[in-house]
Amino acid sequence: MLEREIQRVNRRIDLKILQGEAYFKEARDHKLLLQKVRYNTRKGLINRLITLFFRTPIYA
């Protein structure tokens, strides 16, 4: 869902660039969406590492 929204914002930015208009609001929206994607990805990575660490059998 976030990826689709990013693509939609990118299309709006591209159109405004072609028309020579300012795209400050769209750039801000794009930045916020990317932060959400990074936050969700980072959280998933940390959970996977913790799971991997605690589920790995220790051989002595």
Protein backbone atom coordinates (compact mmCIF):
# COMPACT_ATOMS: atom_id res chain seq x y z
CA MET A 1 0.00 0.00 0.00
CA LEU A 2 2.82 2.41 0.83
CA GLU A 3 4.59 1.54 -2.41
CA ARG A 4 1.49 2.44 -4.45
CA GLU A 5 1.17 5.74 -2.63
CA ILE A 6 4.83 6.53 -3.29
CA GLN A 7 4.33 5.79 -6.98
CA ARG A 8 1.27 8.05 -7.07
CA VAL A 9 3.19 10.91 -5.43
CA ASN A 10 6.10 10.35 -7.82
CA ARG A 11 3.76 10.68 -10.80
CA ARG A 12 2.38 13.97 -9.41
CA ILE A 13 5.93 15.25 -8.88
CA ASP A 14 6.93 14.26 -12.42
CA LEU A 15 3.92 16.07 -13.90
CA LYS A 16 4.63 19.21 -11.91
CA ILE A 17 8.29 19.16 -12.98
CA LEU A 18 7.25 18.87 -16.62
CA GLN A 19 4.80 21.74 -16.20
CA GLY A 20 7.38 23.88 -14.38
CA GLU A 21 5.35 24.07 -11.17
CA ALA A 22 6.54 23.91 -7.57
CA TYR A 23 6.23 20.50 -5.92
CA PHE A 24 7.18 21.27 -2.32
CA LYS A 25 4.10 19.61 -0.78
CA GLU A 26 4.53 16.46 -2.87
CA ALA A 27 8.23 16.25 -1.97
CA ARG A 28 7.31 16.42 1.72
CA ASP A 29 4.69 13.70 1.28
CA HIS A 30 7.24 11.54 -0.57
CA LYS A 31 9.77 11.96 2.22
CA LEU A 32 7.24 11.00 4.91
CA LEU A 33 6.16 7.90 2.98
CA LEU A 34 9.78 6.79 2.58
CA GLN A 35 10.31 7.21 6.32
CA LYS A 36 7.31 4.95 6.98
CA VAL A 37 8.68 2.30 4.63
CA ARG A 38 12.11 2.44 6.26
CA TYR A 39 10.61 2.26 9.76
CA ASN A 40 8.53 -0.80 8.92
CA THR A 41 11.43 -2.50 7.15
CA ARG A 42 13.85 -1.80 10.00
CA LYS A 43 11.43 -3.13 12.58
CA GLY A 44 10.99 -6.34 10.59
CA LEU A 45 14.74 -6.79 10.25
CA ILE A 46 15.33 -6.39 13.98
CA ASN A 47 12.58 -8.89 14.79
CA ARG A 48 14.06 -11.39 12.32
CA LEU A 49 17.53 -11.03 13.86
CA ILE A 50 16.20 -11.51 17.39
CA THR A 51 14.22 -14.57 16.30
CA LEU A 52 17.24 -15.99 14.50
CA PHE A 53 19.49 -15.40 17.52
CA PHE A 54 17.19 -17.08 20.02
CA ARG A 55 16.11 -19.96 17.78
CA THR A 56 19.61 -21.01 16.66
CA PRO A 57 20.71 -24.16 18.51
CA ILE A 58 24.00 -23.86 20.36
CA TYR A 59 26.42 -26.73 19.84
CA ALA A 60 29.10 -27.18 22.47
